[in-house]
């Protein structure tokens, strides 16, 4: 998911997606710790997506307060 797709989402959709991604990241970390992860780059992708979502949420928060 790219940044433009994330910016097009509503705040409630973003928080829902954030929860889903955090849950998936936790699951992938458990799999990685027991060496059952097929694609370890998936961890990096999920972390970056979480960071993008948090960035957009923060941008909106700052825009409202300005």
PDB file of N, CA and C in Angstrom:
ATOM      1  N   UNK A   1       0.853  -1.171   0.000  1.00  0.00           N
ATOM      2  CA  UNK A   1       0.000   0.000   0.000  1.00  0.00           C
ATOM      3  C   UNK A   1       0.904   1.241   0.000  1.00  0.00           C
ATOM      4  N   UNK A   2       0.667   2.138  -0.932  1.00  0.00           N
ATOM      5  CA  UNK A   2       1.509   3.326  -0.997  1.00  0.00           C
ATOM      6  C   UNK A   2       0.898   4.474  -0.191  1.00  0.00           C
ATOM      7  N   UNK A   3       1.644   5.541  -0.076  1.00  0.00           N
ATOM      8  CA  UNK A   3       1.259   6.660   0.784  1.00  0.00           C
ATOM      9  C   UNK A   3      -0.015   7.338   0.283  1.00  0.00           C
ATOM     10  N   UNK A   4      -0.226   7.381  -1.025  1.00  0.00           N
ATOM     11  CA  UNK A   4      -1.441   8.015  -1.558  1.00  0.00           C
ATOM     12  C   UNK A   4      -2.689   7.228  -1.185  1.00  0.00           C
ATOM     13  N   UNK A   5      -2.580   5.911  -1.187  1.00  0.00           N
ATOM     14  CA  UNK A   5      -3.709   5.077  -0.756  1.00  0.00           C
ATOM     15  C   UNK A   5      -4.013   5.305   0.716  1.00  0.00           C
ATOM     16  N   UNK A   6      -2.974   5.430   1.510  1.00  0.00           N
ATOM     17  CA  UNK A   6      -3.145   5.644   2.950  1.00  0.00           C
ATOM     18  C   UNK A   6      -3.771   7.009   3.211  1.00  0.00           C
ATOM     19  N   UNK A   7      -3.326   8.020   2.493  1.00  0.00           N
ATOM     20  CA  UNK A   7      -3.882   9.365   2.683  1.00  0.00           C
ATOM     21  C   UNK A   7      -5.348   9.438   2.272  1.00  0.00           C
ATOM     22  N   UNK A   8      -5.768   8.571   1.369  1.00  0.00           N
ATOM     23  CA  UNK A   8      -7.158   8.568   0.907  1.00  0.00           C
ATOM     24  C   UNK A   8      -8.099   7.915   1.917  1.00  0.00           C
ATOM     25  N   UNK A   9      -7.555   7.200   2.878  1.00  0.00           N
ATOM     26  CA  UNK A   9      -8.383   6.496   3.862  1.00  0.00           C
ATOM     27  C   UNK A   9      -8.839   7.449   4.965  1.00  0.00           C
ATOM     28  N   UNK A  10      -9.976   7.123   5.580  1.00  0.00           N
ATOM     29  CA  UNK A  10     -10.467   7.931   6.699  1.00  0.00           C
ATOM     30  C   UNK A  10      -9.701   7.561   7.968  1.00  0.00           C
ATOM     31  N   UNK A  11      -9.884   8.365   9.001  1.00  0.00           N
ATOM     32  CA  UNK A  11      -9.178   8.131  10.261  1.00  0.00           C
ATOM     33  C   UNK A  11      -9.575   6.799  10.885  1.00  0.00           C
ATOM     34  N   UNK A  12     -10.847   6.464  10.821  1.00  0.00           N
ATOM     35  CA  UNK A  12     -11.287   5.189  11.399  1.00  0.00           C
ATOM     36  C   UNK A  12     -10.722   4.003  10.622  1.00  0.00           C
ATOM     37  N   UNK A  13     -10.650   4.134   9.295  1.00  0.00           N
ATOM     38  CA  UNK A  13     -10.049   3.073   8.486  1.00  0.00           C
ATOM     39  C   UNK A  13      -8.567   2.924   8.809  1.00  0.00           C
ATOM     40  N   UNK A  14      -7.903   4.055   9.029  1.00  0.00           N
ATOM     41  CA  UNK A  14      -6.479   4.008   9.347  1.00  0.00           C
ATOM     42  C   UNK A  14      -6.222   3.329  10.686  1.00  0.00           C
ATOM     43  N   UNK A  15      -7.027   3.647  11.682  1.00  0.00           N
ATOM     44  CA  UNK A  15      -6.820   3.011  12.985  1.00  0.00           C
ATOM     45  C   UNK A  15      -7.119   1.516  12.913  1.00  0.00           C
ATOM     46  N   UNK A  16      -8.120   1.143  12.139  1.00  0.00           N
ATOM     47  CA  UNK A  16      -8.428  -0.279  11.962  1.00  0.00           C
ATOM     48  C   UNK A  16      -7.268  -0.990  11.261  1.00  0.00           C
ATOM     49  N   UNK A  17      -6.742  -0.379  10.204  1.00  0.00           N
ATOM     50  CA  UNK A  17      -5.618  -0.955   9.459  1.00  0.00           C
ATOM     51  C   UNK A  17      -4.379  -1.029  10.341  1.00  0.00           C
ATOM     52  N   UNK A  18      -4.183  -0.035  11.186  1.00  0.00           N
ATOM     53  CA  UNK A  18      -3.041  -0.016  12.088  1.00  0.00           C
ATOM     54  C   UNK A  18      -3.104  -1.193  13.060  1.00  0.00           C
ATOM     55  N   UNK A  19      -4.272  -1.440  13.629  1.00  0.00           N
ATOM     56  CA  UNK A  19      -4.436  -2.574  14.541  1.00  0.00           C
ATOM     57  C   UNK A  19      -4.169  -3.895  13.827  1.00  0.00           C
ATOM     58  N   UNK A  20      -4.696  -4.030  12.616  1.00  0.00           N
ATOM     59  CA  UNK A  20      -4.487  -5.256  11.841  1.00  0.00           C
ATOM     60  C   UNK A  20      -3.005  -5.469  11.547  1.00  0.00           C
ATOM     61  N   UNK A  21      -2.318  -4.400  11.147  1.00  0.00           N
ATOM     62  CA  UNK A  21      -0.901  -4.511  10.817  1.00  0.00           C
ATOM     63  C   UNK A  21      -0.061  -4.846  12.045  1.00  0.00           C
ATOM     64  N   UNK A  22      -0.391  -4.254  13.179  1.00  0.00           N
ATOM     65  CA  UNK A  22       0.355  -4.565  14.395  1.00  0.00           C
ATOM     66  C   UNK A  22       0.161  -6.023  14.802  1.00  0.00           C
ATOM     67  N   UNK A  23      -1.061  -6.506  14.635  1.00  0.00           N
ATOM     68  CA  UNK A  23      -1.343  -7.910  14.955  1.00  0.00           C
ATOM     69  C   UNK A  23      -0.567  -8.832  14.011  1.00  0.00           C
ATOM     70  N   UNK A  24      -0.548  -8.469  12.725  1.00  0.00           N
ATOM     71  CA  UNK A  24       0.183  -9.269  11.745  1.00  0.00           C
ATOM     72  C   UNK A  24       1.683  -9.245  12.024  1.00  0.00           C
ATOM     73  N   UNK A  25       2.210  -8.087  12.413  1.00  0.00           N
ATOM     74  CA  UNK A  25       3.628  -7.974  12.733  1.00  0.00           C
ATOM     75  C   UNK A  25       3.986  -8.870  13.915  1.00  0.00           C
ATOM     76  N   UNK A  26       3.154  -8.885  14.925  1.00  0.00           N
ATOM     77  CA  UNK A  26       3.390  -9.742  16.081  1.00  0.00           C
ATOM     78  C   UNK A  26       3.414 -11.213  15.659  1.00  0.00           C
ATOM     79  N   UNK A  27       2.459 -11.593  14.833  1.00  0.00           N
ATOM     80  CA  UNK A  27       2.388 -12.971  14.348  1.00  0.00           C
ATOM     81  C   UNK A  27       3.640 -13.332  13.541  1.00  0.00           C
ATOM     82  N   UNK A  28       4.068 -12.425  12.669  1.00  0.00           N
ATOM     83  CA  UNK A  28       5.257 -12.676  11.854  1.00  0.00           C
ATOM     84  C   UNK A  28       6.514 -12.768  12.710  1.00  0.00           C
ATOM     85  N   UNK A  29       6.598 -11.967  13.759  1.00  0.00           N
ATOM     86  CA  UNK A  29       7.759 -12.039  14.647  1.00  0.00           C
ATOM     87  C   UNK A  29       7.828 -13.387  15.354  1.00  0.00           C
ATOM     88  N   UNK A  30       6.683 -13.901  15.771  1.00  0.00           N
ATOM     89  CA  UNK A  30       6.666 -15.225  16.390  1.00  0.00           C
ATOM     90  C   UNK A  30       7.117 -16.292  15.395  1.00  0.00           C
ATOM     91  N   UNK A  31       6.612 -16.216  14.184  1.00  0.00           N
ATOM     92  CA  UNK A  31       7.020 -17.178  13.162  1.00  0.00           C
ATOM     93  C   UNK A  31       8.513 -17.067  12.873  1.00  0.00           C
ATOM     94  N   UNK A  32       9.016 -15.852  12.824  1.00  0.00           N
ATOM     95  CA  UNK A  32      10.429 -15.626  12.537  1.00  0.00           C
ATOM     96  C   UNK A  32      11.312 -16.181  13.654  1.00  0.00           C
ATOM     97  N   UNK A  33      10.850 -16.082  14.884  1.00  0.00           N
ATOM     98  CA  UNK A  33      11.655 -16.559  16.010  1.00  0.00           C
ATOM     99  C   UNK A  33      11.801 -18.078  16.014  1.00  0.00           C
ATOM    100  N   UNK A  34      10.837 -18.776  15.422  1.00  0.00           N
ATOM    101  CA  UNK A  34      10.948 -20.234  15.360  1.00  0.00           C
ATOM    102  C   UNK A  34      11.309 -20.707  13.947  1.00  0.00           C
ATOM    103  N   UNK A  35      11.843 -19.795  13.157  1.00  0.00           N
ATOM    104  CA  UNK A  35      12.375 -20.083  11.819  1.00  0.00           C
ATOM    105  C   UNK A  35      11.351 -20.687  10.863  1.00  0.00           C
ATOM    106  N   UNK A  36      10.147 -20.204  10.886  1.00  0.00           N
ATOM    107  CA  UNK A  36       9.137 -20.687   9.957  1.00  0.00           C
ATOM    108  C   UNK A  36       8.673 -19.600   8.994  1.00  0.00           C
ATOM    109  N   UNK A  37       9.400 -18.546   8.898  1.00  0.00           N
ATOM    110  CA  UNK A  37       8.986 -17.441   8.038  1.00  0.00           C
ATOM    111  C   UNK A  37       9.593 -17.625   6.648  1.00  0.00           C
ATOM    112  N   UNK A  38       8.737 -17.703   5.634  1.00  0.00           N
ATOM    113  CA  UNK A  38       9.206 -17.908   4.267  1.00  0.00           C
ATOM    114  C   UNK A  38       9.888 -16.665   3.712  1.00  0.00           C
ATOM    115  N   UNK A  39       9.298 -15.504   3.972  1.00  0.00           N
ATOM    116  CA  UNK A  39       9.818 -14.258   3.427  1.00  0.00           C
ATOM    117  C   UNK A  39      10.091 -13.280   4.570  1.00  0.00           C
ATOM    118  N   UNK A  40      11.325 -13.203   5.063  1.00  0.00           N
ATOM    119  CA  UNK A  40      11.619 -12.296   6.175  1.00  0.00           C
ATOM    120  C   UNK A  40      11.470 -10.815   5.820  1.00  0.00           C
ATOM    121  N   UNK A  41      11.446 -10.488   4.528  1.00  0.00           N
ATOM    122  CA  UNK A  41      11.256  -9.091   4.130  1.00  0.00           C
ATOM    123  C   UNK A  41       9.838  -8.616   4.419  1.00  0.00           C
ATOM    124  N   UNK A  42       8.925  -9.538   4.661  1.00  0.00           N
ATOM    125  CA  UNK A  42       7.554  -9.179   5.003  1.00  0.00           C
ATOM    126  C   UNK A  42       7.537  -8.373   6.303  1.00  0.00           C
ATOM    127  N   UNK A  43       8.453  -8.684   7.231  1.00  0.00           N
ATOM    128  CA  UNK A  43       8.568  -7.924   8.480  1.00  0.00           C
ATOM    129  C   UNK A  43       8.872  -6.457   8.187  1.00  0.00           C
ATOM    130  N   UNK A  44       9.799  -6.232   7.287  1.00  0.00           N
ATOM    131  CA  UNK A  44      10.198  -4.868   6.933  1.00  0.00           C
ATOM    132  C   UNK A  44       9.032  -4.126   6.275  1.00  0.00           C
ATOM    133  N   UNK A  45       8.330  -4.810   5.382  1.00  0.00           N
ATOM    134  CA  UNK A  45       7.202  -4.190   4.685  1.00  0.00           C
ATOM    135  C   UNK A  45       6.108  -3.767   5.663  1.00  0.00           C
ATOM    136  N   UNK A  46       5.792  -4.627   6.613  1.00  0.00           N
ATOM    137  CA  UNK A  46       4.742  -4.320   7.589  1.00  0.00           C
ATOM    138  C   UNK A  46       5.172  -3.162   8.486  1.00  0.00           C
ATOM    139  N   UNK A  47       6.434  -3.170   8.928  1.00  0.00           N
ATOM    140  CA  UNK A  47       6.920  -2.067   9.773  1.00  0.00           C
ATOM    141  C   UNK A  47       6.845  -0.737   9.039  1.00  0.00           C
ATOM    142  N   UNK A  48       7.197  -0.734   7.763  1.00  0.00           N
ATOM    143  CA  UNK A  48       7.140   0.501   6.980  1.00  0.00           C
ATOM    144  C   UNK A  48       5.702   0.969   6.782  1.00  0.00           C
ATOM    145  N   UNK A  49       4.796   0.020   6.576  1.00  0.00           N
ATOM    146  CA  UNK A  49       3.389   0.388   6.411  1.00  0.00           C
ATOM    147  C   UNK A  49       2.835   0.985   7.700  1.00  0.00           C
ATOM    148  N   UNK A  50       3.214   0.416   8.839  1.00  0.00           N
ATOM    149  CA  UNK A  50       2.797   0.964  10.135  1.00  0.00           C
ATOM    150  C   UNK A  50       3.328   2.385  10.288  1.00  0.00           C
ATOM    151  N   UNK A  51       4.578   2.602   9.914  1.00  0.00           N
ATOM    152  CA  UNK A  51       5.170   3.936  10.014  1.00  0.00           C
ATOM    153  C   UNK A  51       4.445   4.932   9.111  1.00  0.00           C
ATOM    154  N   UNK A  52       4.072   4.506   7.918  1.00  0.00           N
ATOM    155  CA  UNK A  52       3.341   5.395   7.005  1.00  0.00           C
ATOM    156  C   UNK A  52       1.986   5.786   7.590  1.00  0.00           C
ATOM    157  N   UNK A  53       1.293   4.814   8.159  1.00  0.00           N
ATOM    158  CA  UNK A  53      -0.022   5.090   8.752  1.00  0.00           C
ATOM    159  C   UNK A  53       0.119   6.066   9.910  1.00  0.00           C
ATOM    160  N   UNK A  54       1.104   5.831  10.775  1.00  0.00           N
ATOM    161  CA  UNK A  54       1.313   6.725  11.911  1.00  0.00           C
ATOM    162  C   UNK A  54       1.689   8.130  11.447  1.00  0.00           C
ATOM    163  N   UNK A  55       2.454   8.217  10.371  1.00  0.00           N
ATOM    164  CA  UNK A  55       2.842   9.517   9.823  1.00  0.00           C
ATOM    165  C   UNK A  55       1.623  10.285   9.328  1.00  0.00           C
ATOM    166  N   UNK A  56       0.746   9.618   8.601  1.00  0.00           N
ATOM    167  CA  UNK A  56      -0.457  10.275   8.076  1.00  0.00           C
ATOM    168  C   UNK A  56      -1.364  10.711   9.221  1.00  0.00           C
ATOM    169  N   UNK A  57      -1.526   9.855  10.229  1.00  0.00           N
ATOM    170  CA  UNK A  57      -2.347  10.233  11.382  1.00  0.00           C
ATOM    171  C   UNK A  57      -1.766  11.457  12.085  1.00  0.00           C
ATOM    172  N   UNK A  58      -0.451  11.507  12.222  1.00  0.00           N
ATOM    173  CA  UNK A  58       0.202  12.649  12.868  1.00  0.00           C
ATOM    174  C   UNK A  58       0.059  13.911  12.019  1.00  0.00           C
ATOM    175  N   UNK A  59       0.192  13.785  10.704  1.00  0.00           N
ATOM    176  CA  UNK A  59       0.010  14.941   9.816  1.00  0.00           C
ATOM    177  C   UNK A  59      -1.382  15.535   9.981  1.00  0.00           C
ATOM    178  N   UNK A  60      -2.377  14.674  10.044  1.00  0.00           N
ATOM    179  CA  UNK A  60      -3.756  15.145  10.200  1.00  0.00           C
ATOM    180  C   UNK A  60      -3.958  15.809  11.554  1.00  0.00           C
ATOM    181  N   UNK A  61      -3.340  15.255  12.575  1.00  0.00           N
ATOM    182  CA  UNK A  61      -3.451  15.841  13.915  1.00  0.00           C
ATOM    183  C   UNK A  61      -2.839  17.239  13.943  1.00  0.00           C
ATOM    184  N   UNK A  62      -1.681  17.394  13.325  1.00  0.00           N
ATOM    185  CA  UNK A  62      -1.028  18.697  13.290  1.00  0.00           C
ATOM    186  C   UNK A  62      -1.816  19.694  12.442  1.00  0.00           C
ATOM    187  N   UNK A  63      -2.421  19.217  11.366  1.00  0.00           N
ATOM    188  CA  UNK A  63      -3.209  20.091  10.499  1.00  0.00           C
ATOM    189  C   UNK A  63      -4.432  20.630  11.243  1.00  0.00           C
ATOM    190  N   UNK A  64      -5.058  19.788  12.065  1.00  0.00           N
ATOM    191  CA  UNK A  64      -6.232  20.214  12.833  1.00  0.00           C
ATOM    192  C   UNK A  64      -5.865  21.249  13.892  1.00  0.00           C
ATOM    193  N   UNK A  65      -4.695  21.117  14.483  1.00  0.00           N
ATOM    194  CA  UNK A  65      -4.273  22.020  15.553  1.00  0.00           C
ATOM    195  C   UNK A  65      -3.688  23.322  15.025  1.00  0.00           C
ATOM    196  N   UNK A  66      -3.394  23.387  13.755  1.00  0.00           N
ATOM    197  CA  UNK A  66      -2.774  24.592  13.199  1.00  0.00           C
ATOM    198  C   UNK A  66      -3.780  25.677  12.921  1.00  0.00           C
TER     199      UNK A  66
END
